[in-house]
Amino acid sequence: MRRVLIALAVATMVMVSAQVAFAAVSSDVSIRYNSSGETFHGMVTSSNDECAVGRPVKLFKKTSSGAVLQGKTKTNANGVWRVPVMHAHGKYFATAPEYMGMHKLCAASRSRTIDVM
């Protein structure tokens, strides 16, 4: 019984160590809408450039049946993203899904929801 408890304790410590080693780097995604250019845009920011540059971003519209994908893109060298949407109206938000960079795991992030009229 003692060996089983020791084995469980060791396994738990190994799992906790692995989680710490692969802790995801946090990031934030912002959203705005330019009505004259009919373009949603924003920026992904992070303490680690790997989690901001070249990061996938998805734009969603909230509907009564759930979120509907309106477009997707990647951030540029400054972490900026743009998605054109003609005749936009309603509530929109952007996400930066979980992403594995070259050396870091980047945590998923979601912007605030904006209302476009």
C-alpha atoms as a PDB file:
ATOM      1  CA  MET A   1       0.000   0.000   0.000  1.00  0.00           C
ATOM      2  CA  ARG A   2       2.842   2.345   0.868  1.00  0.00           C
ATOM      3  CA  ARG A   3       4.466   1.816  -2.551  1.00  0.00           C
ATOM      4  CA  VAL A   4       1.185   2.649  -4.276  1.00  0.00           C
ATOM      5  CA  LEU A   5       0.880   5.914  -2.321  1.00  0.00           C
ATOM      6  CA  ILE A   6       4.487   6.844  -3.129  1.00  0.00           C
ATOM      7  CA  ALA A   7       3.921   6.054  -6.822  1.00  0.00           C
ATOM      8  CA  LEU A   8       0.778   8.217  -6.840  1.00  0.00           C
ATOM      9  CA  ALA A   9       2.624  11.082  -5.143  1.00  0.00           C
ATOM     10  CA  VAL A  10       5.460  10.901  -7.680  1.00  0.00           C
ATOM     11  CA  ALA A  11       3.021  10.765 -10.596  1.00  0.00           C
ATOM     12  CA  THR A  12       1.173  13.811  -9.248  1.00  0.00           C
ATOM     13  CA  MET A  13       4.422  15.786  -8.913  1.00  0.00           C
ATOM     14  CA  VAL A  14       5.428  14.873 -12.475  1.00  0.00           C
ATOM     15  CA  MET A  15       2.033  15.984 -13.826  1.00  0.00           C
ATOM     16  CA  VAL A  16       2.186  19.298 -11.938  1.00  0.00           C
ATOM     17  CA  SER A  17       5.737  19.903 -13.203  1.00  0.00           C
ATOM     18  CA  ALA A  18       4.638  19.216 -16.774  1.00  0.00           C
ATOM     19  CA  GLN A  19       1.753  21.682 -16.457  1.00  0.00           C
ATOM     20  CA  VAL A  20       4.068  24.398 -15.147  1.00  0.00           C
ATOM     21  CA  ALA A  21       6.538  23.732 -17.972  1.00  0.00           C
ATOM     22  CA  PHE A  22       3.769  24.123 -20.567  1.00  0.00           C
ATOM     23  CA  ALA A  23       1.862  26.996 -18.966  1.00  0.00           C
ATOM     24  CA  ALA A  24       0.266  29.053 -21.711  1.00  0.00           C
ATOM     25  CA  VAL A  25       1.334  32.664 -22.244  1.00  0.00           C
ATOM     26  CA  SER A  26      -1.618  35.037 -21.875  1.00  0.00           C
ATOM     27  CA  SER A  27      -2.647  37.515 -24.552  1.00  0.00           C
ATOM     28  CA  ASP A  28      -5.371  40.071 -25.191  1.00  0.00           C
ATOM     29  CA  VAL A  29      -7.293  40.827 -28.369  1.00  0.00           C
ATOM     30  CA  SER A  30      -9.001  44.155 -29.024  1.00  0.00           C
ATOM     31  CA  ILE A  31     -11.762  45.001 -31.519  1.00  0.00           C
ATOM     32  CA  ARG A  32     -12.990  48.173 -33.237  1.00  0.00           C
ATOM     33  CA  TYR A  33     -15.077  48.929 -36.321  1.00  0.00           C
ATOM     34  CA  ASN A  34     -14.360  51.520 -39.014  1.00  0.00           C
ATOM     35  CA  SER A  35     -17.696  52.273 -40.708  1.00  0.00           C
ATOM     36  CA  SER A  36     -16.204  54.298 -43.570  1.00  0.00           C
ATOM     37  CA  GLY A  37     -13.936  51.393 -44.552  1.00  0.00           C
ATOM     38  CA  GLU A  38     -16.394  48.704 -43.423  1.00  0.00           C
ATOM     39  CA  THR A  39     -13.554  46.955 -41.624  1.00  0.00           C
ATOM     40  CA  PHE A  40     -13.191  45.389 -38.202  1.00  0.00           C
ATOM     41  CA  HIS A  41      -9.715  45.745 -36.774  1.00  0.00           C
ATOM     42  CA  GLY A  42      -7.803  45.337 -33.569  1.00  0.00           C
ATOM     43  CA  MET A  43      -4.588  44.189 -32.010  1.00  0.00           C
ATOM     44  CA  VAL A  44      -3.307  41.120 -30.216  1.00  0.00           C
ATOM     45  CA  THR A  45      -0.940  41.985 -27.377  1.00  0.00           C
ATOM     46  CA  SER A  46       1.119  39.680 -25.197  1.00  0.00           C
ATOM     47  CA  SER A  47       4.204  39.712 -23.011  1.00  0.00           C
ATOM     48  CA  ASN A  48       5.728  37.349 -25.607  1.00  0.00           C
ATOM     49  CA  ASP A  49       5.955  38.424 -29.272  1.00  0.00           C
ATOM     50  CA  GLU A  50       5.372  34.824 -30.400  1.00  0.00           C
ATOM     51  CA  CYS A  51       1.813  35.182 -29.091  1.00  0.00           C
ATOM     52  CA  ALA A  52       1.087  38.446 -30.964  1.00  0.00           C
ATOM     53  CA  VAL A  53       2.864  38.295 -34.355  1.00  0.00           C
ATOM     54  CA  GLY A  54       1.325  36.025 -37.005  1.00  0.00           C
ATOM     55  CA  ARG A  55      -1.440  35.047 -34.593  1.00  0.00           C
ATOM     56  CA  PRO A  56      -4.690  33.671 -36.003  1.00  0.00           C
ATOM     57  CA  VAL A  57      -7.750  35.831 -35.270  1.00  0.00           C
ATOM     58  CA  LYS A  58     -11.398  34.981 -35.907  1.00  0.00           C
ATOM     59  CA  LEU A  59     -14.284  37.491 -36.097  1.00  0.00           C
ATOM     60  CA  PHE A  60     -17.750  36.373 -34.974  1.00  0.00           C
ATOM     61  CA  LYS A  61     -21.230  37.881 -35.080  1.00  0.00           C
ATOM     62  CA  LYS A  62     -23.589  37.047 -32.216  1.00  0.00           C
ATOM     63  CA  THR A  63     -26.947  35.750 -33.401  1.00  0.00           C
ATOM     64  CA  SER A  64     -29.947  34.193 -31.674  1.00  0.00           C
ATOM     65  CA  SER A  65     -28.660  30.765 -32.718  1.00  0.00           C
ATOM     66  CA  GLY A  66     -25.085  31.381 -31.550  1.00  0.00           C
ATOM     67  CA  ALA A  67     -21.864  32.894 -32.838  1.00  0.00           C
ATOM     68  CA  VAL A  68     -21.364  32.916 -36.622  1.00  0.00           C
ATOM     69  CA  LEU A  69     -17.881  33.183 -38.106  1.00  0.00           C
ATOM     70  CA  GLN A  70     -17.582  36.324 -40.273  1.00  0.00           C
ATOM     71  CA  GLY A  71     -13.937  36.018 -41.237  1.00  0.00           C
ATOM     72  CA  LYS A  72     -10.480  35.033 -40.134  1.00  0.00           C
ATOM     73  CA  THR A  73      -7.001  36.431 -40.596  1.00  0.00           C
ATOM     74  CA  LYS A  74      -3.555  36.580 -39.015  1.00  0.00           C
ATOM     75  CA  THR A  75      -1.930  39.487 -37.249  1.00  0.00           C
ATOM     76  CA  ASN A  76       0.859  41.439 -38.930  1.00  0.00           C
ATOM     77  CA  ALA A  77       4.349  42.140 -37.542  1.00  0.00           C
ATOM     78  CA  ASN A  78       2.820  44.649 -35.094  1.00  0.00           C
ATOM     79  CA  GLY A  79       0.043  42.348 -33.854  1.00  0.00           C
ATOM     80  CA  VAL A  80      -2.613  44.234 -35.857  1.00  0.00           C
ATOM     81  CA  TRP A  81      -5.465  42.403 -37.586  1.00  0.00           C
ATOM     82  CA  ARG A  82      -8.191  43.481 -40.073  1.00  0.00           C
ATOM     83  CA  VAL A  83     -11.317  41.773 -41.442  1.00  0.00           C
ATOM     84  CA  PRO A  84     -13.606  43.567 -43.939  1.00  0.00           C
ATOM     85  CA  VAL A  85     -17.355  43.018 -43.496  1.00  0.00           C
ATOM     86  CA  MET A  86     -19.756  44.863 -45.787  1.00  0.00           C
ATOM     87  CA  HIS A  87     -23.005  46.187 -44.276  1.00  0.00           C
ATOM     88  CA  ALA A  88     -22.095  45.081 -40.751  1.00  0.00           C
ATOM     89  CA  HIS A  89     -24.769  45.453 -38.087  1.00  0.00           C
ATOM     90  CA  GLY A  90     -25.258  43.659 -34.794  1.00  0.00           C
ATOM     91  CA  LYS A  91     -22.947  42.451 -32.055  1.00  0.00           C
ATOM     92  CA  TYR A  92     -19.421  41.275 -32.886  1.00  0.00           C
ATOM     93  CA  PHE A  93     -16.394  39.909 -31.056  1.00  0.00           C
ATOM     94  CA  ALA A  94     -12.965  38.594 -32.000  1.00  0.00           C
ATOM     95  CA  THR A  95     -11.015  35.632 -30.698  1.00  0.00           C
ATOM     96  CA  ALA A  96      -7.383  34.645 -30.791  1.00  0.00           C
ATOM     97  CA  PRO A  97      -7.627  30.854 -30.430  1.00  0.00           C
ATOM     98  CA  GLU A  98      -5.062  28.850 -28.496  1.00  0.00           C
ATOM     99  CA  TYR A  99      -1.919  28.800 -30.618  1.00  0.00           C
ATOM    100  CA  MET A 100       1.390  26.974 -30.504  1.00  0.00           C
ATOM    101  CA  GLY A 101       4.176  29.372 -31.439  1.00  0.00           C
ATOM    102  CA  MET A 102       7.719  28.293 -32.175  1.00  0.00           C
ATOM    103  CA  HIS A 103       8.564  27.876 -28.482  1.00  0.00           C
ATOM    104  CA  LYS A 104       5.485  28.927 -26.480  1.00  0.00           C
ATOM    105  CA  LEU A 105       1.885  27.871 -26.068  1.00  0.00           C
ATOM    106  CA  CYS A 106      -0.304  30.964 -26.377  1.00  0.00           C
ATOM    107  CA  ALA A 107      -3.571  30.940 -24.424  1.00  0.00           C
ATOM    108  CA  ALA A 108      -6.863  31.683 -26.151  1.00  0.00           C
ATOM    109  CA  SER A 109      -8.283  35.171 -25.783  1.00  0.00           C
ATOM    110  CA  ARG A 110     -11.601  36.874 -26.569  1.00  0.00           C
ATOM    111  CA  SER A 111     -12.302  40.552 -27.131  1.00  0.00           C
ATOM    112  CA  ARG A 112     -15.146  42.527 -25.681  1.00  0.00           C
ATOM    113  CA  THR A 113     -18.381  42.512 -27.699  1.00  0.00           C
ATOM    114  CA  ILE A 114     -19.140  45.640 -29.717  1.00  0.00           C
ATOM    115  CA  ASP A 115     -22.484  46.758 -31.163  1.00  0.00           C
ATOM    116  CA  VAL A 116     -22.346  47.970 -34.762  1.00  0.00           C
ATOM    117  CA  MET A 117     -25.360  49.876 -36.077  1.00  0.00           C
END
